Amino acid sequence: AVTPPGLTATRFAHNTHPLAKVFLRLAAPFCVSPEDGARGLIFLCSSAAIDGVSGRLYVGVSETPLRPAATNDDDARRLWDLSAEMTRGGGAPPS
């Protein structure tokens, strides 16, 4: 089964603001179980099938094609430069 991205039904929200509790209750039908929410992460952390794989998008355990905007080198450079400026970071972007 493919684990969809999004909300996971956990009890971590028990100390949240009252409005957040209302939102979480309304969102509950769209949440996945903690087990399903963890399935993709466990796969990505432990599977030998993806050793050395980088720059790919996974939804659960399935690779999903990237949109062209996500692979635009000019946009990536602008994002890097803006992020470095805002965080006072430096260095060259990864190649």
C-alpha atoms as a PDB file:
ATOM      1  CA  ALA A   1       0.000   0.000   0.000  1.00  0.00           C
ATOM      2  CA  VAL A   2       1.183   3.495  -0.785  1.00  0.00           C
ATOM      3  CA  THR A   3       1.288   5.835   2.166  1.00  0.00           C
ATOM      4  CA  PRO A   4      -0.107   9.227   1.176  1.00  0.00           C
ATOM      5  CA  PRO A   5       1.669  12.329   2.412  1.00  0.00           C
ATOM      6  CA  GLY A   6      -0.124  14.500   4.898  1.00  0.00           C
ATOM      7  CA  LEU A   7      -1.454  14.272   8.388  1.00  0.00           C
ATOM      8  CA  THR A   8      -0.817  11.333  10.647  1.00  0.00           C
ATOM      9  CA  ALA A   9      -3.228  10.480  13.434  1.00  0.00           C
ATOM     10  CA  THR A  10      -1.054  10.663  16.541  1.00  0.00           C
ATOM     11  CA  ARG A  11      -1.692  11.919  20.060  1.00  0.00           C
ATOM     12  CA  PHE A  12       1.127  14.478  19.924  1.00  0.00           C
ATOM     13  CA  ALA A  13      -1.439  17.270  19.600  1.00  0.00           C
ATOM     14  CA  HIS A  14      -2.994  16.769  23.044  1.00  0.00           C
ATOM     15  CA  ASN A  15      -1.523  20.028  24.439  1.00  0.00           C
ATOM     16  CA  THR A  16      -2.298  22.269  21.481  1.00  0.00           C
ATOM     17  CA  HIS A  17      -4.291  25.464  21.236  1.00  0.00           C
ATOM     18  CA  PRO A  18      -8.089  24.945  21.275  1.00  0.00           C
ATOM     19  CA  LEU A  19      -8.429  26.070  17.636  1.00  0.00           C
ATOM     20  CA  ALA A  20      -5.776  23.570  16.601  1.00  0.00           C
ATOM     21  CA  LYS A  21      -7.742  20.849  18.370  1.00  0.00           C
ATOM     22  CA  VAL A  22     -10.826  21.799  16.325  1.00  0.00           C
ATOM     23  CA  PHE A  23      -8.795  21.656  13.108  1.00  0.00           C
ATOM     24  CA  LEU A  24      -7.300  18.290  14.026  1.00  0.00           C
ATOM     25  CA  ARG A  25     -10.727  16.850  14.815  1.00  0.00           C
ATOM     26  CA  LEU A  26     -12.053  18.031  11.423  1.00  0.00           C
ATOM     27  CA  ALA A  27      -8.977  16.661   9.670  1.00  0.00           C
ATOM     28  CA  ALA A  28      -9.159  13.257  11.408  1.00  0.00           C
ATOM     29  CA  PRO A  29     -10.956  11.485   8.519  1.00  0.00           C
ATOM     30  CA  PHE A  30      -8.074  12.444   6.218  1.00  0.00           C
ATOM     31  CA  CYS A  31      -5.292  11.271   8.550  1.00  0.00           C
ATOM     32  CA  VAL A  32      -3.357   8.058   8.135  1.00  0.00           C
ATOM     33  CA  SER A  33      -2.509   5.757  11.021  1.00  0.00           C
ATOM     34  CA  PRO A  34       0.882   6.169  12.718  1.00  0.00           C
ATOM     35  CA  GLU A  35       1.898   2.796  11.242  1.00  0.00           C
ATOM     36  CA  ASP A  36       1.013   3.887   7.704  1.00  0.00           C
ATOM     37  CA  GLY A  37       2.607   7.283   8.273  1.00  0.00           C
ATOM     38  CA  ALA A  38       5.875   5.627   9.296  1.00  0.00           C
ATOM     39  CA  ARG A  39       5.953   3.011   6.529  1.00  0.00           C
ATOM     40  CA  GLY A  40       7.537   5.295   3.925  1.00  0.00           C
ATOM     41  CA  LEU A  41      10.122   6.690   6.330  1.00  0.00           C
ATOM     42  CA  ILE A  42      11.143   3.239   7.465  1.00  0.00           C
ATOM     43  CA  PHE A  43      11.483   2.144   3.840  1.00  0.00           C
ATOM     44  CA  LEU A  44      13.613   5.176   2.943  1.00  0.00           C
ATOM     45  CA  CYS A  45      15.850   4.715   5.981  1.00  0.00           C
ATOM     46  CA  SER A  46      16.389   0.985   5.687  1.00  0.00           C
ATOM     47  CA  SER A  47      15.884  -0.289   2.147  1.00  0.00           C
ATOM     48  CA  ALA A  48      18.927  -1.461   0.215  1.00  0.00           C
ATOM     49  CA  ALA A  49      16.861  -0.885  -2.942  1.00  0.00           C
ATOM     50  CA  ILE A  50      17.535   2.843  -2.735  1.00  0.00           C
ATOM     51  CA  ASP A  51      21.162   2.847  -1.592  1.00  0.00           C
ATOM     52  CA  GLY A  52      22.918   5.719  -3.339  1.00  0.00           C
ATOM     53  CA  VAL A  53      19.665   7.179  -4.669  1.00  0.00           C
ATOM     54  CA  SER A  54      19.443  10.949  -4.316  1.00  0.00           C
ATOM     55  CA  GLY A  55      17.282  13.728  -5.664  1.00  0.00           C
ATOM     56  CA  ARG A  56      14.138  11.623  -5.968  1.00  0.00           C
ATOM     57  CA  LEU A  57      10.686  12.151  -4.477  1.00  0.00           C
ATOM     58  CA  TYR A  58       8.911   9.321  -2.699  1.00  0.00           C
ATOM     59  CA  VAL A  59       5.312   9.139  -1.562  1.00  0.00           C
ATOM     60  CA  GLY A  60       5.289   6.312   0.911  1.00  0.00           C
ATOM     61  CA  VAL A  61       7.375   3.604  -0.738  1.00  0.00           C
ATOM     62  CA  SER A  62       6.700   4.674  -4.336  1.00  0.00           C
ATOM     63  CA  GLU A  63       8.884   7.008  -6.364  1.00  0.00           C
ATOM     64  CA  THR A  64       6.888   9.929  -7.725  1.00  0.00           C
ATOM     65  CA  PRO A  65       7.954  12.047 -10.699  1.00  0.00           C
ATOM     66  CA  LEU A  66       9.179  15.532  -9.884  1.00  0.00           C
ATOM     67  CA  ARG A  67       7.455  18.477 -11.510  1.00  0.00           C
ATOM     68  CA  PRO A  68       9.662  20.373 -13.959  1.00  0.00           C
ATOM     69  CA  ALA A  69       9.725  23.393 -11.624  1.00  0.00           C
ATOM     70  CA  ALA A  70      11.445  21.230  -9.002  1.00  0.00           C
ATOM     71  CA  THR A  71      14.379  20.551 -11.309  1.00  0.00           C
ATOM     72  CA  ASN A  72      14.927  24.067 -12.688  1.00  0.00           C
ATOM     73  CA  ASP A  73      18.568  24.997 -12.050  1.00  0.00           C
ATOM     74  CA  ASP A  74      17.953  28.754 -12.256  1.00  0.00           C
ATOM     75  CA  ASP A  75      15.192  28.571  -9.648  1.00  0.00           C
ATOM     76  CA  ALA A  76      17.366  26.354  -7.436  1.00  0.00           C
ATOM     77  CA  ARG A  77      20.190  28.919  -7.554  1.00  0.00           C
ATOM     78  CA  ARG A  78      17.825  31.799  -6.705  1.00  0.00           C
ATOM     79  CA  LEU A  79      16.418  29.805  -3.780  1.00  0.00           C
ATOM     80  CA  TRP A  80      19.922  28.999  -2.546  1.00  0.00           C
ATOM     81  CA  ASP A  81      21.027  32.639  -2.778  1.00  0.00           C
ATOM     82  CA  LEU A  82      17.901  33.930  -1.029  1.00  0.00           C
ATOM     83  CA  SER A  83      18.189  31.304   1.723  1.00  0.00           C
ATOM     84  CA  ALA A  84      21.867  32.140   2.283  1.00  0.00           C
ATOM     85  CA  GLU A  85      21.028  35.849   2.450  1.00  0.00           C
ATOM     86  CA  MET A  86      18.148  35.374   4.896  1.00  0.00           C
ATOM     87  CA  THR A  87      20.098  33.047   7.181  1.00  0.00           C
ATOM     88  CA  ARG A  88      23.420  34.835   6.787  1.00  0.00           C
ATOM     89  CA  GLY A  89      24.736  31.549   5.517  1.00  0.00           C
ATOM     90  CA  GLY A  90      27.319  31.115   2.893  1.00  0.00           C
ATOM     91  CA  GLY A  91      29.099  28.659   0.757  1.00  0.00           C
ATOM     92  CA  ALA A  92      28.434  27.315  -2.645  1.00  0.00           C
ATOM     93  CA  PRO A  93      25.280  25.374  -3.432  1.00  0.00           C
ATOM     94  CA  PRO A  94      25.577  21.612  -3.798  1.00  0.00           C
ATOM     95  CA  SER A  95      26.203  20.526  -7.354  1.00  0.00           C
END
